[in-house]
Amino acid sequence: MQSSSSHHSPTPDPDGSPRADGELIVRKPMEKQPDESPQAASDKQRQDDQRISSPNGPSGNMAGSTDGRAAPAQAGSSATTNNPGDQGRKNNMEKMALEVQQSIANGLYRDLKRCESDLDIARQQLELAHSEHERLKAEFDQAFKDYHLASTQFVAVNSKMTNIQEVLADLADRLEKNGFELGDDGFERK
């Protein structure tokens, strides 16, 4: 049986000196920190402060702030609240909609003016046609009166001629029996 001193022999410190009390020293490798001088620690802290305060730092919207408050959003940021780009697009869409409505209204207005002009021309033509109709109607009425008069005269003359022919035929028959004949100037004695 070996003495316990063989199991608990003094363990050297990391610097190479053994412990006098013979206790084991257990250290995690990552816990040992390199010795830093006060100047090195100050430089490191200053570098960390600069990295945190950098606009490109990892703190997102907290970039550029060292007191924990949000820094103002930079131009071109992805913030959607009061985004000038969104407002500009909205203004452009409203402008385009107004331009379309203006174009439609102007087209309808031009069509209305053409219709008014065409209506004036049609009204003038209607008035001329009505005037011509009245003129032709008056002429027709006069022509109808003339026709009626001529027809009446024709009937009267025809009737008179028929009577003359009947009387003349009777007289001619008598005259021919008594030695007269019908010549160019009338009946003459043979």
Protein backbone atom coordinates (compact mmCIF):
# COMPACT_ATOMS: atom_id res chain seq x y z
CA MET A 1 0.00 0.00 0.00
CA GLN A 2 1.40 3.28 -1.13
CA SER A 3 1.29 6.34 1.00
CA SER A 4 -1.30 8.96 0.27
CA SER A 5 1.42 11.44 -0.54
CA SER A 6 1.89 9.75 -3.88
CA HIS A 7 -1.69 10.56 -4.82
CA HIS A 8 -1.55 14.11 -3.49
CA SER A 9 1.86 15.18 -4.59
CA PRO A 10 2.27 18.90 -4.97
CA THR A 11 0.90 20.14 -8.32
CA PRO A 12 2.85 22.86 -10.00
CA ASP A 13 1.13 26.22 -10.61
CA PRO A 14 0.77 27.38 -14.22
CA ASP A 15 3.87 29.42 -13.66
CA GLY A 16 5.84 26.22 -12.77
CA SER A 17 5.99 26.57 -8.98
CA PRO A 18 4.46 23.75 -6.93
CA ARG A 19 1.81 24.39 -4.33
CA ALA A 20 3.22 24.19 -0.84
CA ASP A 21 0.05 22.77 0.68
CA GLY A 22 -0.08 19.90 -1.78
CA GLU A 23 -3.68 20.72 -3.00
CA LEU A 24 -4.57 20.19 -6.61
CA ILE A 25 -5.37 23.28 -8.62
CA VAL A 26 -8.13 22.71 -11.25
CA ARG A 27 -8.54 25.46 -13.84
CA LYS A 28 -10.55 25.63 -17.04
CA PRO A 29 -8.40 26.50 -19.99
CA MET A 30 -10.80 29.29 -21.22
CA GLU A 31 -10.91 30.99 -17.82
CA LYS A 32 -7.33 32.11 -17.98
CA GLN A 33 -7.25 35.63 -19.35
CA PRO A 34 -4.12 37.26 -20.67
CA ASP A 35 -2.68 39.89 -18.48
CA GLU A 36 -3.59 43.33 -19.77
CA SER A 37 -1.93 46.50 -18.83
CA PRO A 38 -4.14 49.46 -17.91
CA GLN A 39 -3.27 51.11 -21.22
CA ALA A 40 -4.27 47.99 -23.23
CA ALA A 41 -7.57 47.72 -21.34
CA SER A 42 -8.29 51.40 -22.04
CA ASP A 43 -7.54 50.99 -25.75
CA LYS A 44 -9.79 47.93 -25.95
CA GLN A 45 -12.66 49.78 -24.23
CA ARG A 46 -12.27 52.69 -26.60
CA GLN A 47 -12.38 50.38 -29.62
CA ASP A 48 -15.52 48.70 -28.27
CA ASP A 49 -17.16 52.10 -27.74
CA GLN A 50 -16.31 53.15 -31.30
CA ARG A 51 -17.68 49.89 -32.71
CA ILE A 52 -20.94 50.30 -30.78
CA SER A 53 -21.35 53.96 -31.78
CA SER A 54 -20.56 53.28 -35.46
CA PRO A 55 -23.54 53.86 -37.89
CA ASN A 56 -22.73 50.47 -39.37
CA GLY A 57 -22.64 48.80 -35.97
CA PRO A 58 -24.66 45.69 -35.13
CA SER A 59 -27.21 47.56 -33.05
CA GLY A 60 -29.72 48.18 -35.90
CA ASN A 61 -31.88 51.23 -35.21
CA MET A 62 -29.78 51.85 -32.10
CA ALA A 63 -26.74 52.66 -34.27
CA GLY A 64 -25.01 55.86 -33.37
CA SER A 65 -26.51 55.95 -29.85
CA THR A 66 -24.50 55.29 -26.74
CA ASP A 67 -27.25 55.97 -24.22
CA GLY A 68 -29.67 53.21 -25.36
CA ARG A 69 -32.07 55.53 -27.22
CA ALA A 70 -33.00 54.94 -30.85
CA ALA A 71 -31.07 57.07 -33.30
CA PRO A 72 -32.95 58.93 -36.06
CA ALA A 73 -33.63 56.80 -39.14
CA GLN A 74 -31.22 57.44 -41.96
CA ALA A 75 -32.39 58.51 -45.43
CA GLY A 76 -33.37 55.53 -47.54
CA SER A 77 -34.10 53.37 -44.49
CA SER A 78 -36.69 50.62 -44.62
CA ALA A 79 -38.99 52.37 -42.13
CA THR A 80 -42.54 52.46 -43.55
CA THR A 81 -43.93 55.13 -41.22
CA ASN A 82 -44.09 58.50 -43.04
CA ASN A 83 -41.97 57.07 -45.84
CA PRO A 84 -41.44 59.82 -48.48
CA GLY A 85 -41.25 57.15 -51.19
CA ASP A 86 -44.70 55.79 -50.34
CA GLN A 87 -46.13 59.31 -50.22
CA GLY A 88 -44.54 60.10 -53.57
CA ARG A 89 -46.02 56.97 -55.16
CA LYS A 90 -49.44 57.86 -53.72
CA ASN A 91 -49.17 61.40 -55.09
CA ASN A 92 -48.15 60.06 -58.52
CA MET A 93 -51.10 57.65 -58.58
CA GLU A 94 -53.50 60.44 -57.64
CA LYS A 95 -51.97 62.66 -60.32
CA MET A 96 -52.31 59.94 -62.95
CA ALA A 97 -55.94 59.31 -61.94
CA LEU A 98 -56.71 63.02 -62.25
CA GLU A 99 -55.03 63.17 -65.66
CA VAL A 100 -57.13 60.22 -66.89
CA GLN A 101 -60.31 61.86 -65.59
CA GLN A 102 -59.28 65.15 -67.20
CA SER A 103 -58.71 63.41 -70.55
CA ILE A 104 -62.12 61.68 -70.39
CA ALA A 105 -63.87 64.92 -69.40
CA ASN A 106 -62.16 66.86 -72.21
CA GLY A 107 -63.15 64.19 -74.74
CA LEU A 108 -66.76 64.29 -73.59
CA TYR A 109 -66.73 68.09 -73.69
CA ARG A 110 -65.47 68.06 -77.29
CA ASP A 111 -68.17 65.52 -78.20
CA LEU A 112 -70.78 67.77 -76.58
CA LYS A 113 -69.59 70.79 -78.56
CA ARG A 114 -69.72 68.78 -81.80
CA CYS A 115 -73.23 67.61 -80.95
CA GLU A 116 -74.29 71.20 -80.31
CA SER A 117 -72.85 72.25 -83.67
CA ASP A 118 -74.50 69.31 -85.45
CA LEU A 119 -77.78 70.14 -83.72
CA ASP A 120 -77.63 73.72 -84.97
CA ILE A 121 -77.00 72.51 -88.52
CA ALA A 122 -79.85 69.99 -88.27
CA ARG A 123 -82.17 72.71 -86.92
CA GLN A 124 -81.32 74.98 -89.86
CA GLN A 125 -81.92 72.15 -92.31
CA LEU A 126 -85.24 71.38 -90.63
CA GLU A 127 -86.30 75.01 -90.91
CA LEU A 128 -85.33 75.06 -94.60
CA ALA A 129 -87.19 71.82 -95.23
CA HIS A 130 -90.25 73.15 -93.44
CA SER A 131 -90.08 76.36 -95.46
CA GLU A 132 -89.76 74.36 -98.70
CA HIS A 133 -92.65 72.17 -97.61
CA GLU A 134 -94.80 75.22 -97.00
CA ARG A 135 -93.78 76.69 -100.35
CA LEU A 136 -94.51 73.44 -102.17
CA LYS A 137 -97.77 73.07 -100.28
CA ALA A 138 -98.79 76.56 -101.35
CA GLU A 139 -97.75 75.80 -104.92
CA PHE A 140 -99.63 72.54 -104.78
CA ASP A 141 -102.72 74.30 -103.51
CA GLN A 142 -102.44 76.84 -106.32
CA ALA A 143 -101.76 74.14 -108.87
CA PHE A 144 -104.75 72.19 -107.60
CA LYS A 145 -106.92 75.30 -107.96
CA ASP A 146 -105.57 75.86 -111.47
CA TYR A 147 -106.23 72.24 -112.33
CA HIS A 148 -109.75 72.47 -111.01
CA LEU A 149 -110.37 75.65 -113.00
CA ALA A 150 -108.92 74.20 -116.20
CA SER A 151 -110.94 71.04 -115.72
CA THR A 152 -114.09 73.09 -115.27
CA GLN A 153 -113.27 75.14 -118.36
CA PHE A 154 -112.53 72.01 -120.34
CA VAL A 155 -115.86 70.50 -119.45
CA ALA A 156 -117.65 73.74 -120.31
CA VAL A 157 -115.89 74.16 -123.65
CA ASN A 158 -116.36 70.51 -124.51
CA SER A 159 -120.03 70.76 -123.76
CA LYS A 160 -120.32 73.92 -125.82
CA MET A 161 -118.46 72.32 -128.71
CA THR A 162 -120.72 69.30 -128.60
CA ASN A 163 -123.78 71.52 -128.82
CA ILE A 164 -122.26 73.46 -131.73
CA GLN A 165 -121.43 70.29 -133.59
CA GLU A 166 -124.96 69.00 -133.19
CA VAL A 167 -126.50 72.28 -134.40
CA LEU A 168 -124.00 72.62 -137.25
CA ALA A 169 -124.62 69.11 -138.46
CA ASP A 170 -128.31 69.78 -138.65
CA LEU A 171 -127.79 73.06 -140.53
CA ALA A 172 -125.24 71.58 -142.90
CA ASP A 173 -127.63 68.86 -143.84
CA ARG A 174 -130.32 71.42 -144.69
CA LEU A 175 -127.91 73.69 -146.60
CA GLU A 176 -126.49 70.86 -148.69
CA LYS A 177 -130.00 69.89 -149.70
CA ASN A 178 -130.58 73.47 -150.90
CA GLY A 179 -127.43 73.86 -153.06
CA PHE A 180 -124.79 74.85 -150.51
CA GLU A 181 -121.50 73.23 -149.78
CA LEU A 182 -118.95 73.59 -146.96
CA GLY A 183 -115.78 75.42 -148.00
CA ASP A 184 -112.82 76.97 -146.25
CA ASP A 185 -114.80 80.00 -145.22
CA GLY A 186 -118.02 78.17 -144.51
CA PHE A 187 -121.03 77.24 -146.60
CA GLU A 188 -121.22 78.73 -150.10
CA ARG A 189 -123.65 78.34 -152.79
CA LYS A 190 -122.58 75.92 -155.49
